PDB file of N, CA and C in Angstrom:
ATOM      1  N   MET A   1      20.646 -10.360  -6.648  1.00  0.00           N
ATOM      2  CA  MET A   1      19.225 -10.673  -6.564  1.00  0.00           C
ATOM      3  C   MET A   1      18.485  -9.770  -7.544  1.00  0.00           C
ATOM      4  N   THR A   2      17.647 -10.340  -8.377  1.00  0.00           N
ATOM      5  CA  THR A   2      16.939  -9.552  -9.371  1.00  0.00           C
ATOM      6  C   THR A   2      15.674  -8.950  -8.773  1.00  0.00           C
ATOM      7  N   ARG A   3      15.145  -7.972  -9.476  1.00  0.00           N
ATOM      8  CA  ARG A   3      13.931  -7.296  -9.010  1.00  0.00           C
ATOM      9  C   ARG A   3      12.762  -8.268  -8.905  1.00  0.00           C
ATOM     10  N   ALA A   4      12.649  -9.211  -9.849  1.00  0.00           N
ATOM     11  CA  ALA A   4      11.555 -10.180  -9.820  1.00  0.00           C
ATOM     12  C   ALA A   4      11.620 -11.051  -8.571  1.00  0.00           C
ATOM     13  N   LEU A   5      12.818 -11.434  -8.153  1.00  0.00           N
ATOM     14  CA  LEU A   5      12.939 -12.254  -6.955  1.00  0.00           C
ATOM     15  C   LEU A   5      12.595 -11.465  -5.696  1.00  0.00           C
ATOM     16  N   ILE A   6      12.896 -10.187  -5.683  1.00  0.00           N
ATOM     17  CA  ILE A   6      12.622  -9.364  -4.507  1.00  0.00           C
ATOM     18  C   ILE A   6      11.124  -9.212  -4.292  1.00  0.00           C
ATOM     19  N   THR A   7      10.359  -9.043  -5.358  1.00  0.00           N
ATOM     20  CA  THR A   7       8.943  -8.728  -5.216  1.00  0.00           C
ATOM     21  C   THR A   7       8.025  -9.941  -5.315  1.00  0.00           C
ATOM     22  N   GLN A   8       8.549 -11.156  -5.363  1.00  0.00           N
ATOM     23  CA  GLN A   8       7.697 -12.329  -5.383  1.00  0.00           C
ATOM     24  C   GLN A   8       6.961 -12.505  -4.054  1.00  0.00           C
ATOM     25  N   ASN A   9       7.514 -11.961  -2.990  1.00  0.00           N
ATOM     26  CA  ASN A   9       6.945 -12.102  -1.665  1.00  0.00           C
ATOM     27  C   ASN A   9       5.995 -10.938  -1.376  1.00  0.00           C
ATOM     28  N   PRO A  10       4.722 -11.203  -1.034  1.00  0.00           N
ATOM     29  CA  PRO A  10       3.793 -10.110  -0.742  1.00  0.00           C
ATOM     30  C   PRO A  10       4.188  -9.290   0.490  1.00  0.00           C
ATOM     31  N   VAL A  11       5.073  -9.815   1.321  1.00  0.00           N
ATOM     32  CA  VAL A  11       5.532  -9.072   2.495  1.00  0.00           C
ATOM     33  C   VAL A  11       6.280  -7.817   2.067  1.00  0.00           C
ATOM     34  N   ILE A  12       6.976  -7.877   0.936  1.00  0.00           N
ATOM     35  CA  ILE A  12       7.676  -6.705   0.415  1.00  0.00           C
ATOM     36  C   ILE A  12       6.669  -5.615   0.054  1.00  0.00           C
ATOM     37  N   THR A  13       5.576  -5.984  -0.578  1.00  0.00           N
ATOM     38  CA  THR A  13       4.543  -5.009  -0.920  1.00  0.00           C
ATOM     39  C   THR A  13       3.934  -4.422   0.345  1.00  0.00           C
ATOM     40  N   LEU A  14       3.673  -5.250   1.340  1.00  0.00           N
ATOM     41  CA  LEU A  14       3.131  -4.748   2.602  1.00  0.00           C
ATOM     42  C   LEU A  14       4.098  -3.784   3.278  1.00  0.00           C
ATOM     43  N   ALA A  15       5.380  -4.081   3.226  1.00  0.00           N
ATOM     44  CA  ALA A  15       6.383  -3.191   3.820  1.00  0.00           C
ATOM     45  C   ALA A  15       6.402  -1.851   3.090  1.00  0.00           C
ATOM     46  N   LEU A  16       6.286  -1.877   1.775  1.00  0.00           N
ATOM     47  CA  LEU A  16       6.244  -0.655   0.982  1.00  0.00           C
ATOM     48  C   LEU A  16       5.031   0.190   1.349  1.00  0.00           C
ATOM     49  N   VAL A  17       3.887  -0.456   1.467  1.00  0.00           N
ATOM     50  CA  VAL A  17       2.647   0.236   1.820  1.00  0.00           C
ATOM     51  C   VAL A  17       2.735   0.827   3.230  1.00  0.00           C
ATOM     52  N   LEU A  18       3.262   0.066   4.157  1.00  0.00           N
ATOM     53  CA  LEU A  18       3.405   0.545   5.530  1.00  0.00           C
ATOM     54  C   LEU A  18       4.374   1.716   5.609  1.00  0.00           C
ATOM     55  N   ALA A  19       5.459   1.650   4.854  1.00  0.00           N
ATOM     56  CA  ALA A  19       6.430   2.745   4.846  1.00  0.00           C
ATOM     57  C   ALA A  19       5.802   4.029   4.313  1.00  0.00           C
ATOM     58  N   GLY A  20       5.001   3.917   3.261  1.00  0.00           N
ATOM     59  CA  GLY A  20       4.318   5.098   2.721  1.00  0.00           C
ATOM     60  C   GLY A  20       3.344   5.687   3.719  1.00  0.00           C
ATOM     61  N   GLY A  21       2.594   4.839   4.402  1.00  0.00           N
ATOM     62  CA  GLY A  21       1.653   5.313   5.412  1.00  0.00           C
ATOM     63  C   GLY A  21       2.347   5.962   6.589  1.00  0.00           C
ATOM     64  N   CYS A  22       3.425   5.353   7.044  1.00  0.00           N
ATOM     65  CA  CYS A  22       4.171   5.914   8.179  1.00  0.00           C
ATOM     66  C   CYS A  22       4.810   7.250   7.817  1.00  0.00           C
ATOM     67  N   LEU A  23       5.284   7.372   6.581  1.00  0.00           N
ATOM     68  CA  LEU A  23       5.886   8.638   6.149  1.00  0.00           C
ATOM     69  C   LEU A  23       4.866   9.770   6.184  1.00  0.00           C
ATOM     70  N   LEU A  24       3.688   9.542   5.639  1.00  0.00           N
ATOM     71  CA  LEU A  24       2.673  10.596   5.655  1.00  0.00           C
ATOM     72  C   LEU A  24       2.132  10.835   7.063  1.00  0.00           C
ATOM     73  N   TYR A  25       2.098   9.814   7.894  1.00  0.00           N
ATOM     74  CA  TYR A  25       1.704  10.001   9.288  1.00  0.00           C
ATOM     75  C   TYR A  25       2.712  10.895  10.004  1.00  0.00           C
ATOM     76  N   TRP A  26       3.981  10.646   9.762  1.00  0.00           N
ATOM     77  CA  TRP A  26       5.044  11.449  10.357  1.00  0.00           C
ATOM     78  C   TRP A  26       4.983  12.892   9.873  1.00  0.00           C
ATOM     79  N   LEU A  27       4.588  13.083   8.612  1.00  0.00           N
ATOM     80  CA  LEU A  27       4.463  14.433   8.058  1.00  0.00           C
ATOM     81  C   LEU A  27       3.184  15.136   8.515  1.00  0.00           C
ATOM     82  N   GLY A  28       2.259  14.403   9.116  1.00  0.00           N
ATOM     83  CA  GLY A  28       1.015  14.994   9.622  1.00  0.00           C
ATOM     84  C   GLY A  28      -0.049  15.178   8.555  1.00  0.00           C
ATOM     85  N   ALA A  29       0.005  14.403   7.502  1.00  0.00           N
ATOM     86  CA  ALA A  29      -0.962  14.519   6.409  1.00  0.00           C
ATOM     87  C   ALA A  29      -2.303  13.889   6.807  1.00  0.00           C
ATOM     88  N   ALA A  30      -3.354  14.299   6.097  1.00  0.00           N
ATOM     89  CA  ALA A  30      -4.680  13.730   6.325  1.00  0.00           C
ATOM     90  C   ALA A  30      -4.751  12.329   5.719  1.00  0.00           C
ATOM     91  N   LEU A  31      -5.413  11.411   6.384  1.00  0.00           N
ATOM     92  CA  LEU A  31      -5.579  10.024   5.954  1.00  0.00           C
ATOM     93  C   LEU A  31      -4.256   9.403   5.501  1.00  0.00           C
ATOM     94  N   PRO A  32      -3.281   9.381   6.380  1.00  0.00           N
ATOM     95  CA  PRO A  32      -1.939   8.957   5.959  1.00  0.00           C
ATOM     96  C   PRO A  32      -1.834   7.515   5.491  1.00  0.00           C
ATOM     97  N   PHE A  33      -2.588   6.596   6.113  1.00  0.00           N
ATOM     98  CA  PHE A  33      -2.437   5.195   5.739  1.00  0.00           C
ATOM     99  C   PHE A  33      -3.234   4.847   4.490  1.00  0.00           C
ATOM    100  N   LEU A  34      -4.098   5.737   4.038  1.00  0.00           N
ATOM    101  CA  LEU A  34      -4.763   5.564   2.750  1.00  0.00           C
ATOM    102  C   LEU A  34      -3.918   6.194   1.642  1.00  0.00           C
ATOM    103  N   PHE A  35      -3.629   7.489   1.793  1.00  0.00           N
ATOM    104  CA  PHE A  35      -2.890   8.199   0.754  1.00  0.00           C
ATOM    105  C   PHE A  35      -1.419   7.798   0.706  1.00  0.00           C
ATOM    106  N   GLY A  36      -0.839   7.457   1.840  1.00  0.00           N
ATOM    107  CA  GLY A  36       0.547   7.005   1.854  1.00  0.00           C
ATOM    108  C   GLY A  36       0.716   5.684   1.126  1.00  0.00           C
ATOM    109  N   SER A  37      -0.221   4.776   1.350  1.00  0.00           N
ATOM    110  CA  SER A  37      -0.181   3.483   0.673  1.00  0.00           C
ATOM    111  C   SER A  37      -0.356   3.655  -0.829  1.00  0.00           C
ATOM    112  N   LEU A  38      -1.330   4.466  -1.209  1.00  0.00           N
ATOM    113  CA  LEU A  38      -1.565   4.702  -2.629  1.00  0.00           C
ATOM    114  C   LEU A  38      -0.361   5.360  -3.287  1.00  0.00           C
ATOM    115  N   SER A  39       0.208   6.348  -2.614  1.00  0.00           N
ATOM    116  CA  SER A  39       1.362   7.055  -3.173  1.00  0.00           C
ATOM    117  C   SER A  39       2.573   6.136  -3.315  1.00  0.00           C
ATOM    118  N   ALA A  40       2.823   5.334  -2.307  1.00  0.00           N
ATOM    119  CA  ALA A  40       3.968   4.421  -2.356  1.00  0.00           C
ATOM    120  C   ALA A  40       3.809   3.411  -3.488  1.00  0.00           C
ATOM    121  N   CYS A  41       2.611   2.874  -3.652  1.00  0.00           N
ATOM    122  CA  CYS A  41       2.370   1.925  -4.736  1.00  0.00           C
ATOM    123  C   CYS A  41       2.455   2.610  -6.098  1.00  0.00           C
ATOM    124  N   LEU A  42       1.975   3.841  -6.190  1.00  0.00           N
ATOM    125  CA  LEU A  42       2.052   4.587  -7.441  1.00  0.00           C
ATOM    126  C   LEU A  42       3.504   4.815  -7.858  1.00  0.00           C
ATOM    127  N   VAL A  43       4.325   5.249  -6.910  1.00  0.00           N
ATOM    128  CA  VAL A  43       5.737   5.499  -7.206  1.00  0.00           C
ATOM    129  C   VAL A  43       6.441   4.201  -7.593  1.00  0.00           C
ATOM    130  N   ALA A  44       6.173   3.135  -6.836  1.00  0.00           N
ATOM    131  CA  ALA A  44       6.826   1.853  -7.128  1.00  0.00           C
ATOM    132  C   ALA A  44       6.406   1.322  -8.500  1.00  0.00           C
ATOM    133  N   ALA A  45       5.124   1.402  -8.811  1.00  0.00           N
ATOM    134  CA  ALA A  45       4.647   0.910 -10.108  1.00  0.00           C
ATOM    135  C   ALA A  45       5.192   1.758 -11.250  1.00  0.00           C
ATOM    136  N   THR A  46       5.305   3.062 -11.035  1.00  0.00           N
ATOM    137  CA  THR A  46       5.865   3.948 -12.060  1.00  0.00           C
ATOM    138  C   THR A  46       7.326   3.607 -12.329  1.00  0.00           C
ATOM    139  N   LEU A  47       8.027   3.208 -11.290  1.00  0.00           N
ATOM    140  CA  LEU A  47       9.428   2.823 -11.446  1.00  0.00           C
ATOM    141  C   LEU A  47       9.594   1.411 -12.009  1.00  0.00           C
ATOM    142  N   GLY A  48       8.485   0.704 -12.222  1.00  0.00           N
ATOM    143  CA  GLY A  48       8.538  -0.619 -12.823  1.00  0.00           C
ATOM    144  C   GLY A  48       8.647  -1.768 -11.858  1.00  0.00           C
ATOM    145  N   VAL A  49       8.417  -1.529 -10.593  1.00  0.00           N
ATOM    146  CA  VAL A  49       8.476  -2.605  -9.601  1.00  0.00           C
ATOM    147  C   VAL A  49       7.180  -3.417  -9.691  1.00  0.00           C
ATOM    148  N   PRO A  50       7.255  -4.712  -9.955  1.00  0.00           N
ATOM    149  CA  PRO A  50       6.037  -5.527  -9.991  1.00  0.00           C
ATOM    150  C   PRO A  50       5.530  -5.771  -8.563  1.00  0.00           C
ATOM    151  N   LEU A  51       4.335  -5.308  -8.292  1.00  0.00           N
ATOM    152  CA  LEU A  51       3.758  -5.427  -6.953  1.00  0.00           C
ATOM    153  C   LEU A  51       2.906  -6.683  -6.867  1.00  0.00           C
ATOM    154  N   GLN A  52       2.843  -7.248  -5.692  1.00  0.00           N
ATOM    155  CA  GLN A  52       2.068  -8.457  -5.440  1.00  0.00           C
ATOM    156  C   GLN A  52       0.760  -8.074  -4.760  1.00  0.00           C
ATOM    157  N   GLY A  53      -0.370  -8.368  -5.397  1.00  0.00           N
ATOM    158  CA  GLY A  53      -1.668  -8.069  -4.816  1.00  0.00           C
ATOM    159  C   GLY A  53      -2.086  -9.110  -3.794  1.00  0.00           C
ATOM    160  N   MET A  54      -2.973  -8.713  -2.897  1.00  0.00           N
ATOM    161  CA  MET A  54      -3.507  -9.614  -1.882  1.00  0.00           C
ATOM    162  C   MET A  54      -5.032  -9.489  -1.879  1.00  0.00           C
ATOM    163  N   PRO A  55      -5.726 -10.332  -2.643  1.00  0.00           N
ATOM    164  CA  PRO A  55      -7.178 -10.177  -2.832  1.00  0.00           C
ATOM    165  C   PRO A  55      -7.978 -10.163  -1.532  1.00  0.00           C
ATOM    166  N   PHE A  56      -7.660 -11.019  -0.581  1.00  0.00           N
ATOM    167  CA  PHE A  56      -8.430 -11.056   0.660  1.00  0.00           C
ATOM    168  C   PHE A  56      -8.286  -9.746   1.429  1.00  0.00           C
ATOM    169  N   LEU A  57      -7.075  -9.262   1.562  1.00  0.00           N
ATOM    170  CA  LEU A  57      -6.827  -8.014   2.269  1.00  0.00           C
ATOM    171  C   LEU A  57      -7.474  -6.840   1.550  1.00  0.00           C
ATOM    172  N   SER A  58      -7.474  -6.877   0.237  1.00  0.00           N
ATOM    173  CA  SER A  58      -8.104  -5.818  -0.554  1.00  0.00           C
ATOM    174  C   SER A  58      -9.605  -5.787  -0.318  1.00  0.00           C
ATOM    175  N   THR A  59     -10.237  -6.947  -0.291  1.00  0.00           N
ATOM    176  CA  THR A  59     -11.681  -7.025  -0.055  1.00  0.00           C
ATOM    177  C   THR A  59     -12.043  -6.520   1.342  1.00  0.00           C
ATOM    178  N   VAL A  60     -11.289  -6.933   2.336  1.00  0.00           N
ATOM    179  CA  VAL A  60     -11.539  -6.487   3.710  1.00  0.00           C
ATOM    180  C   VAL A  60     -11.348  -4.975   3.822  1.00  0.00           C
ATOM    181  N   SER A  61     -10.325  -4.456   3.205  1.00  0.00           N
ATOM    182  CA  SER A  61     -10.043  -3.021   3.273  1.00  0.00           C
ATOM    183  C   SER A  61     -11.155  -2.205   2.615  1.00  0.00           C
ATOM    184  N   ARG A  62     -11.629  -2.650   1.469  1.00  0.00           N
ATOM    185  CA  ARG A  62     -12.729  -1.937   0.798  1.00  0.00           C
ATOM    186  C   ARG A  62     -14.003  -1.995   1.624  1.00  0.00           C
ATOM    187  N   THR A  63     -14.249  -3.114   2.284  1.00  0.00           N
ATOM    188  CA  THR A  63     -15.424  -3.238   3.141  1.00  0.00           C
ATOM    189  C   THR A  63     -15.364  -2.278   4.305  1.00  0.00           C
ATOM    190  N   VAL A  64     -14.221  -2.228   4.980  1.00  0.00           N
ATOM    191  CA  VAL A  64     -14.048  -1.316   6.120  1.00  0.00           C
ATOM    192  C   VAL A  64     -14.180   0.130   5.671  1.00  0.00           C
ATOM    193  N   LEU A  65     -13.587   0.473   4.534  1.00  0.00           N
ATOM    194  CA  LEU A  65     -13.672   1.835   4.009  1.00  0.00           C
ATOM    195  C   LEU A  65     -15.115   2.189   3.645  1.00  0.00           C
ATOM    196  N   GLY A  66     -15.827   1.254   3.061  1.00  0.00           N
ATOM    197  CA  GLY A  66     -17.230   1.490   2.717  1.00  0.00           C
ATOM    198  C   GLY A  66     -18.096   1.711   3.948  1.00  0.00           C
ATOM    199  N   VAL A  67     -17.871   0.943   4.997  1.00  0.00           N
ATOM    200  CA  VAL A  67     -18.621   1.124   6.232  1.00  0.00           C
ATOM    201  C   VAL A  67     -18.268   2.464   6.874  1.00  0.00           C
ATOM    202  N   ALA A  68     -17.005   2.832   6.841  1.00  0.00           N
ATOM    203  CA  ALA A  68     -16.572   4.107   7.418  1.00  0.00           C
ATOM    204  C   ALA A  68     -17.198   5.286   6.686  1.00  0.00           C
ATOM    205  N   ILE A  69     -17.324   5.191   5.365  1.00  0.00           N
ATOM    206  CA  ILE A  69     -17.923   6.271   4.592  1.00  0.00           C
ATOM    207  C   ILE A  69     -19.419   6.330   4.848  1.00  0.00           C
ATOM    208  N   LYS A  70     -20.047   5.186   4.994  1.00  0.00           N
ATOM    209  CA  LYS A  70     -21.501   5.117   5.193  1.00  0.00           C
ATOM    210  C   LYS A  70     -21.921   5.727   6.530  1.00  0.00           C
ATOM    211  N   THR A  71     -21.098   5.572   7.554  1.00  0.00           N
ATOM    212  CA  THR A  71     -21.489   6.073   8.880  1.00  0.00           C
ATOM    213  C   THR A  71     -21.060   7.501   9.098  1.00  0.00           C
TER     214      THR A  71
END
């Protein structure tokens, strides 16, 4: 199975993001599901893994983060 076939499914990207968040949560880091997700995607992209974006989820996440910062 080639790398392109593995990452065609956005579920793989979600699993990567969740794994990064859970790792930092387990380590007791601050904002684990924000920084863990970013770190996991950064490492994967640096290694050349093509990630699948999810525009709707991205918009909802930015909205929730914006409301959280505002309050």
